[in-house]
C-alpha atoms as a PDB file:
ATOM      1  CA  MET A   1      38.152 -10.199   5.139  1.00  0.00           C
ATOM      2  CA  LYS A   2      35.406  -7.888   6.450  1.00  0.00           C
ATOM      3  CA  ILE A   3      35.409  -5.923   3.190  1.00  0.00           C
ATOM      4  CA  ASN A   4      34.896  -9.111   1.176  1.00  0.00           C
ATOM      5  CA  GLU A   5      32.062 -10.190   3.469  1.00  0.00           C
ATOM      6  CA  LYS A   6      30.400  -6.766   3.118  1.00  0.00           C
ATOM      7  CA  ASN A   7      30.663  -6.865  -0.665  1.00  0.00           C
ATOM      8  CA  PHE A   8      29.135 -10.339  -0.677  1.00  0.00           C
ATOM      9  CA  VAL A   9      26.178  -9.188   1.422  1.00  0.00           C
ATOM     10  CA  VAL A  10      25.584  -6.207  -0.854  1.00  0.00           C
ATOM     11  CA  GLN A  11      25.832  -8.269  -4.068  1.00  0.00           C
ATOM     12  CA  ALA A  12      23.897 -11.320  -2.825  1.00  0.00           C
ATOM     13  CA  PRO A  13      20.369 -10.000  -3.698  1.00  0.00           C
ATOM     14  CA  ILE A  14      21.494  -9.081  -7.217  1.00  0.00           C
ATOM     15  CA  VAL A  15      23.117 -12.499  -7.694  1.00  0.00           C
ATOM     16  CA  TYR A  16      19.930 -14.158  -6.477  1.00  0.00           C
ATOM     17  CA  LEU A  17      17.766 -12.135  -8.872  1.00  0.00           C
ATOM     18  CA  LEU A  18      20.065 -12.848 -11.813  1.00  0.00           C
ATOM     19  CA  SER A  19      20.006 -16.549 -10.942  1.00  0.00           C
ATOM     20  CA  LEU A  20      16.197 -16.566 -11.056  1.00  0.00           C
ATOM     21  CA  ILE A  21      16.199 -14.807 -14.414  1.00  0.00           C
ATOM     22  CA  ALA A  22      18.915 -17.097 -15.795  1.00  0.00           C
ATOM     23  CA  LEU A  23      17.014 -20.198 -14.684  1.00  0.00           C
ATOM     24  CA  ALA A  24      13.833 -18.878 -16.256  1.00  0.00           C
ATOM     25  CA  LEU A  25      15.679 -18.244 -19.536  1.00  0.00           C
ATOM     26  CA  ILE A  26      17.155 -21.739 -19.469  1.00  0.00           C
ATOM     27  CA  ILE A  27      13.696 -23.257 -19.025  1.00  0.00           C
ATOM     28  CA  LEU A  28      12.380 -21.050 -21.825  1.00  0.00           C
ATOM     29  CA  ALA A  29      15.170 -22.224 -24.114  1.00  0.00           C
ATOM     30  CA  LEU A  30      14.403 -25.868 -23.284  1.00  0.00           C
ATOM     31  CA  LEU A  31      10.741 -25.267 -23.977  1.00  0.00           C
ATOM     32  CA  VAL A  32      11.535 -23.854 -27.404  1.00  0.00           C
ATOM     33  CA  PHE A  33      13.985 -26.652 -28.127  1.00  0.00           C
ATOM     34  CA  PHE A  34      11.675 -29.502 -27.129  1.00  0.00           C
ATOM     35  CA  SER A  35       8.400 -28.006 -28.344  1.00  0.00           C
ATOM     36  CA  THR A  36       7.601 -30.541 -31.071  1.00  0.00           C
ATOM     37  CA  GLU A  37       4.520 -32.515 -31.908  1.00  0.00           C
ATOM     38  CA  LYS A  38       6.048 -35.614 -30.275  1.00  0.00           C
ATOM     39  CA  SER A  39       6.874 -33.849 -26.993  1.00  0.00           C
ATOM     40  CA  ASP A  40       5.137 -35.014 -23.833  1.00  0.00           C
ATOM     41  CA  GLY A  41       2.417 -32.466 -23.071  1.00  0.00           C
ATOM     42  CA  ARG A  42       2.710 -33.031 -19.334  1.00  0.00           C
ATOM     43  CA  VAL A  43       6.408 -32.188 -19.357  1.00  0.00           C
ATOM     44  CA  ILE A  44       5.742 -29.067 -21.410  1.00  0.00           C
ATOM     45  CA  GLY A  45       2.958 -28.045 -19.004  1.00  0.00           C
ATOM     46  CA  VAL A  46       5.180 -28.457 -15.958  1.00  0.00           C
ATOM     47  CA  ALA A  47       8.017 -26.566 -17.600  1.00  0.00           C
ATOM     48  CA  THR A  48       5.683 -23.769 -18.681  1.00  0.00           C
ATOM     49  CA  GLY A  49       4.310 -23.425 -15.160  1.00  0.00           C
ATOM     50  CA  LEU A  50       7.810 -23.415 -13.709  1.00  0.00           C
ATOM     51  CA  PHE A  51       8.882 -20.712 -16.161  1.00  0.00           C
ATOM     52  CA  ALA A  52       5.880 -18.529 -15.293  1.00  0.00           C
ATOM     53  CA  GLY A  53       6.508 -19.045 -11.578  1.00  0.00           C
ATOM     54  CA  LEU A  54      10.146 -17.999 -11.905  1.00  0.00           C
ATOM     55  CA  ILE A  55       9.176 -14.837 -13.781  1.00  0.00           C
ATOM     56  CA  ILE A  56       6.642 -13.917 -11.085  1.00  0.00           C
ATOM     57  CA  ALA A  57       9.149 -14.704  -8.330  1.00  0.00           C
ATOM     58  CA  SER A  58      11.749 -12.512 -10.067  1.00  0.00           C
ATOM     59  CA  LEU A  59       9.338  -9.561 -10.271  1.00  0.00           C
ATOM     60  CA  GLN A  60       8.289  -9.955  -6.634  1.00  0.00           C
ATOM     61  CA  PHE A  61      11.881 -10.192  -5.478  1.00  0.00           C
ATOM     62  CA  LEU A  62      12.857  -7.122  -7.525  1.00  0.00           C
ATOM     63  CA  THR A  63      10.013  -5.119  -5.976  1.00  0.00           C
ATOM     64  CA  GLN A  64      10.968  -6.184  -2.449  1.00  0.00           C
ATOM     65  CA  TYR A  65      14.644  -5.514  -3.125  1.00  0.00           C
ATOM     66  CA  LEU A  66      13.952  -1.951  -4.289  1.00  0.00           C
ATOM     67  CA  GLU A  67      11.758  -1.331  -1.234  1.00  0.00           C
ATOM     68  CA  GLN A  68      14.425  -2.656   1.131  1.00  0.00           C
ATOM     69  CA  LYS A  69      17.067  -0.567  -0.618  1.00  0.00           C
ATOM     70  CA  ALA A  70      14.950   2.572  -0.096  1.00  0.00           C
ATOM     71  CA  LEU A  71      14.382   1.679   3.562  1.00  0.00           C
ATOM     72  CA  ALA A  72      18.118   1.139   4.026  1.00  0.00           C
ATOM     73  CA  GLU A  73      18.704   4.635   2.654  1.00  0.00           C
ATOM     74  CA  TYR A  74      16.179   6.071   5.116  1.00  0.00           C
ATOM     75  CA  ARG A  75      17.869   4.232   7.983  1.00  0.00           C
ATOM     76  CA  LYS A  76      21.253   5.587   6.937  1.00  0.00           C
ATOM     77  CA  HIS A  77      19.870   9.118   7.248  1.00  0.00           C
ATOM     78  CA  GLY A  78      18.314   8.239  10.606  1.00  0.00           C
ATOM     79  CA  LEU A  79      14.663   8.582   9.628  1.00  0.00           C
ATOM     80  CA  VAL A  80      12.385   7.098  12.301  1.00  0.00           C
ATOM     81  CA  GLU A  81       8.895   8.366  11.460  1.00  0.00           C
ATOM     82  CA  PHE A  82       6.759  11.248  10.189  1.00  0.00           C
ATOM     83  CA  GLN A  83       4.296  13.179  12.328  1.00  0.00           C
ATOM     84  CA  VAL A  84       1.374  15.118  10.862  1.00  0.00           C
ATOM     85  CA  ASN A  85       1.334  17.337  13.965  1.00  0.00           C
ATOM     86  CA  ARG A  86       2.945  17.671  17.390  1.00  0.00           C
ATOM     87  CA  LYS A  87      -0.090  17.333  19.646  1.00  0.00           C
ATOM     88  CA  ASN A  88       0.770  13.932  21.115  1.00  0.00           C
ATOM     89  CA  THR A  89       1.990  14.804  24.592  1.00  0.00           C
ATOM     90  CA  ASP A  90       2.543  11.158  25.488  1.00  0.00           C
ATOM     91  CA  TYR A  91       4.990  10.805  22.590  1.00  0.00           C
ATOM     92  CA  TYR A  92       7.251  13.518  24.009  1.00  0.00           C
ATOM     93  CA  ARG A  93       6.717  12.276  27.553  1.00  0.00           C
ATOM     94  CA  GLN A  94       8.094   8.854  26.633  1.00  0.00           C
ATOM     95  CA  LEU A  95      11.149  10.380  24.957  1.00  0.00           C
ATOM     96  CA  ILE A  96      11.863  12.375  28.106  1.00  0.00           C
ATOM     97  CA  ARG A  97      11.393   9.316  30.289  1.00  0.00           C
ATOM     98  CA  ASP A  98      13.791   7.293  28.140  1.00  0.00           C
ATOM     99  CA  THR A  99      16.692   9.678  28.813  1.00  0.00           C
ATOM    100  CA  GLU A 100      19.452   8.550  31.134  1.00  0.00           C
ATOM    101  CA  VAL A 101      22.271  10.098  33.142  1.00  0.00           C
ATOM    102  CA  GLY A 102      24.606  11.916  30.763  1.00  0.00           C
ATOM    103  CA  ASP A 103      21.926  12.483  28.104  1.00  0.00           C
ATOM    104  CA  GLN A 104      20.775  15.902  26.962  1.00  0.00           C
ATOM    105  CA  ILE A 105      17.360  17.356  26.314  1.00  0.00           C
ATOM    106  CA  ILE A 106      17.720  20.353  24.016  1.00  0.00           C
ATOM    107  CA  VAL A 107      14.681  22.242  22.796  1.00  0.00           C
ATOM    108  CA  VAL A 108      14.734  24.980  20.181  1.00  0.00           C
ATOM    109  CA  GLY A 109      11.312  26.588  20.082  1.00  0.00           C
ATOM    110  CA  VAL A 110       9.337  29.812  20.255  1.00  0.00           C
ATOM    111  CA  THR A 111       8.367  30.075  23.952  1.00  0.00           C
ATOM    112  CA  CYS A 112       8.550  26.451  25.229  1.00  0.00           C
ATOM    113  CA  ASN A 113       5.648  27.286  27.545  1.00  0.00           C
ATOM    114  CA  ARG A 114       3.761  24.089  26.627  1.00  0.00           C
ATOM    115  CA  LEU A 115       6.875  22.002  27.243  1.00  0.00           C
ATOM    116  CA  LEU A 116       7.348  23.484  30.718  1.00  0.00           C
ATOM    117  CA  GLU A 117       3.663  23.346  31.647  1.00  0.00           C
ATOM    118  CA  ASP A 118       3.254  19.756  30.442  1.00  0.00           C
ATOM    119  CA  PHE A 119       6.481  18.301  31.846  1.00  0.00           C
ATOM    120  CA  ALA A 120       7.892  20.659  34.497  1.00  0.00           C
ATOM    121  CA  ASN A 121       4.827  21.547  36.518  1.00  0.00           C
ATOM    122  CA  SER A 122       5.095  20.239  40.076  1.00  0.00           C
ATOM    123  CA  ASP A 123       1.575  21.495  40.824  1.00  0.00           C
ATOM    124  CA  VAL A 124      -0.020  19.063  38.355  1.00  0.00           C
ATOM    125  CA  ALA A 125       0.135  15.293  38.825  1.00  0.00           C
ATOM    126  CA  GLY A 126       1.764  13.513  35.865  1.00  0.00           C
ATOM    127  CA  SER A 127       3.445  16.689  34.594  1.00  0.00           C
ATOM    128  CA  THR A 128       6.845  16.307  36.233  1.00  0.00           C
ATOM    129  CA  ASP A 129       8.760  14.227  33.674  1.00  0.00           C
ATOM    130  CA  LEU A 130      11.240  17.005  32.937  1.00  0.00           C
ATOM    131  CA  LEU A 131      11.803  17.555  36.658  1.00  0.00           C
ATOM    132  CA  GLU A 132      12.456  13.840  37.098  1.00  0.00           C
ATOM    133  CA  ALA A 133      14.929  13.899  34.190  1.00  0.00           C
ATOM    134  CA  LEU A 134      16.803  16.793  35.784  1.00  0.00           C
ATOM    135  CA  SER A 135      16.869  14.967  39.111  1.00  0.00           C
ATOM    136  CA  ARG A 136      18.486  11.900  37.574  1.00  0.00           C
ATOM    137  CA  GLY A 137      21.266  13.935  35.946  1.00  0.00           C
ATOM    138  CA  VAL A 138      19.914  14.783  32.486  1.00  0.00           C
ATOM    139  CA  GLU A 139      20.996  18.190  31.176  1.00  0.00           C
ATOM    140  CA  VAL A 140      18.149  20.357  29.875  1.00  0.00           C
ATOM    141  CA  LYS A 141      18.801  23.320  27.569  1.00  0.00           C
ATOM    142  CA  LEU A 142      16.203  25.657  26.060  1.00  0.00           C
ATOM    143  CA  LEU A 143      17.054  27.881  23.097  1.00  0.00           C
ATOM    144  CA  LEU A 144      14.523  30.593  22.263  1.00  0.00           C
ATOM    145  CA  PRO A 145      14.329  33.792  20.203  1.00  0.00           C
ATOM    146  CA  LYS A 146      14.557  37.121  21.977  1.00  0.00           C
ATOM    147  CA  ILE A 147      11.201  38.527  23.017  1.00  0.00           C
ATOM    148  CA  SER A 148      11.228  41.166  20.249  1.00  0.00           C
ATOM    149  CA  TYR A 149      10.672  38.404  17.665  1.00  0.00           C
ATOM    150  CA  LEU A 150       7.480  37.151  19.347  1.00  0.00           C
ATOM    151  CA  ASP A 151       3.951  38.255  18.531  1.00  0.00           C
ATOM    152  CA  LYS A 152       1.688  39.584  21.287  1.00  0.00           C
ATOM    153  CA  LYS A 153       0.224  36.207  22.251  1.00  0.00           C
ATOM    154  CA  ASN A 154       3.608  34.514  22.410  1.00  0.00           C
ATOM    155  CA  GLN A 155       5.056  37.446  24.352  1.00  0.00           C
ATOM    156  CA  SER A 156       2.285  36.982  26.917  1.00  0.00           C
ATOM    157  CA  ASP A 157       2.901  33.227  27.137  1.00  0.00           C
ATOM    158  CA  PHE A 158       6.629  33.783  27.462  1.00  0.00           C
ATOM    159  CA  THR A 159       6.355  36.489  30.125  1.00  0.00           C
ATOM    160  CA  ASN A 160       3.642  34.880  32.238  1.00  0.00           C
ATOM    161  CA  LYS A 161       4.523  31.209  31.868  1.00  0.00           C
ATOM    162  CA  THR A 162       7.987  30.466  30.468  1.00  0.00           C
ATOM    163  CA  LEU A 163       9.949  32.975  32.538  1.00  0.00           C
ATOM    164  CA  GLU A 164       8.324  31.924  35.786  1.00  0.00           C
ATOM    165  CA  ILE A 165       8.885  28.181  35.378  1.00  0.00           C
ATOM    166  CA  ALA A 166      12.342  28.583  33.794  1.00  0.00           C
ATOM    167  CA  GLY A 167      13.443  30.821  36.636  1.00  0.00           C
ATOM    168  CA  LYS A 168      12.356  28.236  39.174  1.00  0.00           C
ATOM    169  CA  LEU A 169      14.222  25.475  37.325  1.00  0.00           C
ATOM    170  CA  LYS A 170      17.405  27.555  37.164  1.00  0.00           C
ATOM    171  CA  ARG A 171      17.285  28.043  40.916  1.00  0.00           C
ATOM    172  CA  GLU A 172      16.598  24.388  41.689  1.00  0.00           C
ATOM    173  CA  TYR A 173      18.902  22.845  39.064  1.00  0.00           C
ATOM    174  CA  PRO A 174      21.647  25.440  38.389  1.00  0.00           C
ATOM    175  CA  ASP A 175      24.071  22.846  37.021  1.00  0.00           C
ATOM    176  CA  LYS A 176      21.590  21.012  34.813  1.00  0.00           C
ATOM    177  CA  PHE A 177      19.092  23.556  33.500  1.00  0.00           C
ATOM    178  CA  SER A 178      19.929  26.526  31.279  1.00  0.00           C
ATOM    179  CA  ILE A 179      18.109  28.808  28.865  1.00  0.00           C
ATOM    180  CA  ARG A 180      19.492  31.146  26.206  1.00  0.00           C
ATOM    181  CA  TYR A 181      18.116  33.470  23.543  1.00  0.00           C
ATOM    182  CA  TYR A 182      19.195  33.988  19.941  1.00  0.00           C
ATOM    183  CA  ASP A 183      18.827  37.275  18.097  1.00  0.00           C
ATOM    184  CA  PHE A 184      17.040  36.391  14.851  1.00  0.00           C
ATOM    185  CA  GLU A 185      13.676  35.218  13.534  1.00  0.00           C
ATOM    186  CA  PRO A 186      12.814  31.636  14.566  1.00  0.00           C
ATOM    187  CA  SER A 187      12.460  29.180  11.692  1.00  0.00           C
ATOM    188  CA  HIS A 188      12.897  25.656  13.066  1.00  0.00           C
ATOM    189  CA  SER A 189      11.587  23.762  16.050  1.00  0.00           C
ATOM    190  CA  ILE A 190      14.028  21.119  17.296  1.00  0.00           C
ATOM    191  CA  PHE A 191      13.476  18.687  20.150  1.00  0.00           C
ATOM    192  CA  LEU A 192      16.417  16.483  21.121  1.00  0.00           C
ATOM    193  CA  ALA A 193      15.991  13.910  23.881  1.00  0.00           C
ATOM    194  CA  GLY A 194      18.684  11.289  24.237  1.00  0.00           C
ATOM    195  CA  SER A 195      19.039   9.489  20.905  1.00  0.00           C
ATOM    196  CA  ARG A 196      15.917  10.943  19.268  1.00  0.00           C
ATOM    197  CA  CYS A 197      15.595  14.314  17.535  1.00  0.00           C
ATOM    198  CA  ILE A 198      12.360  15.831  16.213  1.00  0.00           C
ATOM    199  CA  VAL A 199      12.590  18.577  13.610  1.00  0.00           C
ATOM    200  CA  GLY A 200       9.765  20.722  12.284  1.00  0.00           C
ATOM    201  CA  PRO A 201       9.084  24.168  10.829  1.00  0.00           C
ATOM    202  CA  ILE A 202       7.987  27.310  12.633  1.00  0.00           C
ATOM    203  CA  PHE A 203       5.285  29.237  10.796  1.00  0.00           C
ATOM    204  CA  LYS A 204       3.960  32.649  11.730  1.00  0.00           C
ATOM    205  CA  ASN A 205       0.411  32.661  13.103  1.00  0.00           C
ATOM    206  CA  ILE A 206       0.396  28.836  13.362  1.00  0.00           C
ATOM    207  CA  SER A 207       1.002  27.031  16.634  1.00  0.00           C
ATOM    208  CA  SER A 208       3.901  24.586  16.567  1.00  0.00           C
ATOM    209  CA  LYS A 209       1.617  21.798  17.768  1.00  0.00           C
ATOM    210  CA  ASP A 210      -0.356  22.100  14.512  1.00  0.00           C
ATOM    211  CA  THR A 211       2.668  21.791  12.209  1.00  0.00           C
ATOM    212  CA  PRO A 212       4.257  18.562  10.918  1.00  0.00           C
ATOM    213  CA  ALA A 213       7.543  17.129  12.127  1.00  0.00           C
ATOM    214  CA  ILE A 214       9.967  14.298  11.446  1.00  0.00           C
ATOM    215  CA  THR A 215      11.658  12.126  14.055  1.00  0.00           C
ATOM    216  CA  PHE A 216      15.272  11.139  13.414  1.00  0.00           C
ATOM    217  CA  ASP A 217      17.850   9.057  15.162  1.00  0.00           C
ATOM    218  CA  LYS A 218      20.557  11.323  16.552  1.00  0.00           C
ATOM    219  CA  GLY A 219      23.273   9.344  14.767  1.00  0.00           C
ATOM    220  CA  GLY A 220      21.728   9.701  11.289  1.00  0.00           C
ATOM    221  CA  GLN A 221      23.400  11.644   8.509  1.00  0.00           C
ATOM    222  CA  TYR A 222      20.470  13.967   7.827  1.00  0.00           C
ATOM    223  CA  ILE A 223      20.211  15.365  11.352  1.00  0.00           C
ATOM    224  CA  LYS A 224      23.891  16.232  11.796  1.00  0.00           C
ATOM    225  CA  PRO A 225      23.650  19.736  10.215  1.00  0.00           C
ATOM    226  CA  TYR A 226      20.723  20.525  12.514  1.00  0.00           C
ATOM    227  CA  LEU A 227      22.686  19.504  15.587  1.00  0.00           C
ATOM    228  CA  SER A 228      25.638  21.598  14.413  1.00  0.00           C
ATOM    229  CA  TYR A 229      23.227  24.500  13.912  1.00  0.00           C
ATOM    230  CA  VAL A 230      22.006  24.084  17.498  1.00  0.00           C
ATOM    231  CA  ASP A 231      25.551  24.056  18.868  1.00  0.00           C
ATOM    232  CA  GLU A 232      26.562  27.153  16.894  1.00  0.00           C
ATOM    233  CA  THR A 233      23.379  29.024  17.825  1.00  0.00           C
ATOM    234  CA  TRP A 234      23.778  28.126  21.485  1.00  0.00           C
ATOM    235  CA  ALA A 235      27.370  29.346  21.497  1.00  0.00           C
ATOM    236  CA  GLY A 236      26.306  32.721  20.093  1.00  0.00           C
ATOM    237  CA  ALA A 237      23.148  33.095  22.181  1.00  0.00           C
ATOM    238  CA  SER A 238      22.667  35.295  25.224  1.00  0.00           C
ATOM    239  CA  GLU A 239      21.096  34.806  28.638  1.00  0.00           C
ATOM    240  CA  ALA A 240      19.214  38.098  28.137  1.00  0.00           C
ATOM    241  CA  TYR A 241      15.820  37.742  26.455  1.00  0.00           C
ATOM    242  CA  GLU A 242      15.423  41.440  25.585  1.00  0.00           C
END
């Protein structure tokens, strides 16, 4: 029963479009058949207008149908939106705030120093969203490259900022906060918070905040290989950053 209903829903737009075209062809045939010198001009005018209207309606419906079909494909893959850069702190703040008990926040980055300074800094008002998430039972995991893969600036940020804040979080939330390091060149930045996952590239000599990204729903088809990649990388990562 459900299969038949699903097939009907899928085929309904096509049936509707074909019905419009068929009706337009019927009117066209009647126009040709009754187009004589004795035909009522008013009837012919109405029929002609109706035929033109049906053709326009068919084209509009076809355009909308193709657009909706493309959007349905995007939804199947979990696409939410594109981002030209990753500078919007409030965007990430809201994702962190939306997490609930049992959710995970997993970040694959280069140093994660901006993440920790913006959302795990108890010394700055309004920068404690990550701390609040940890307090309400959200698990936070950071996955970074070993320090040998960082350039001088990133090594400085990691040593002077990331290590200090991460160490404090590990002491305060030993069961909820963890950080590990993988032993290869970083290539992707991944930010998972609850049901949303943001994926973007990592380019040398370009800050991650200046690179584009795409937001996906965690349950989408496209993001699944990335999440598997995160799990596999985490399993093979070390707690030693050197």
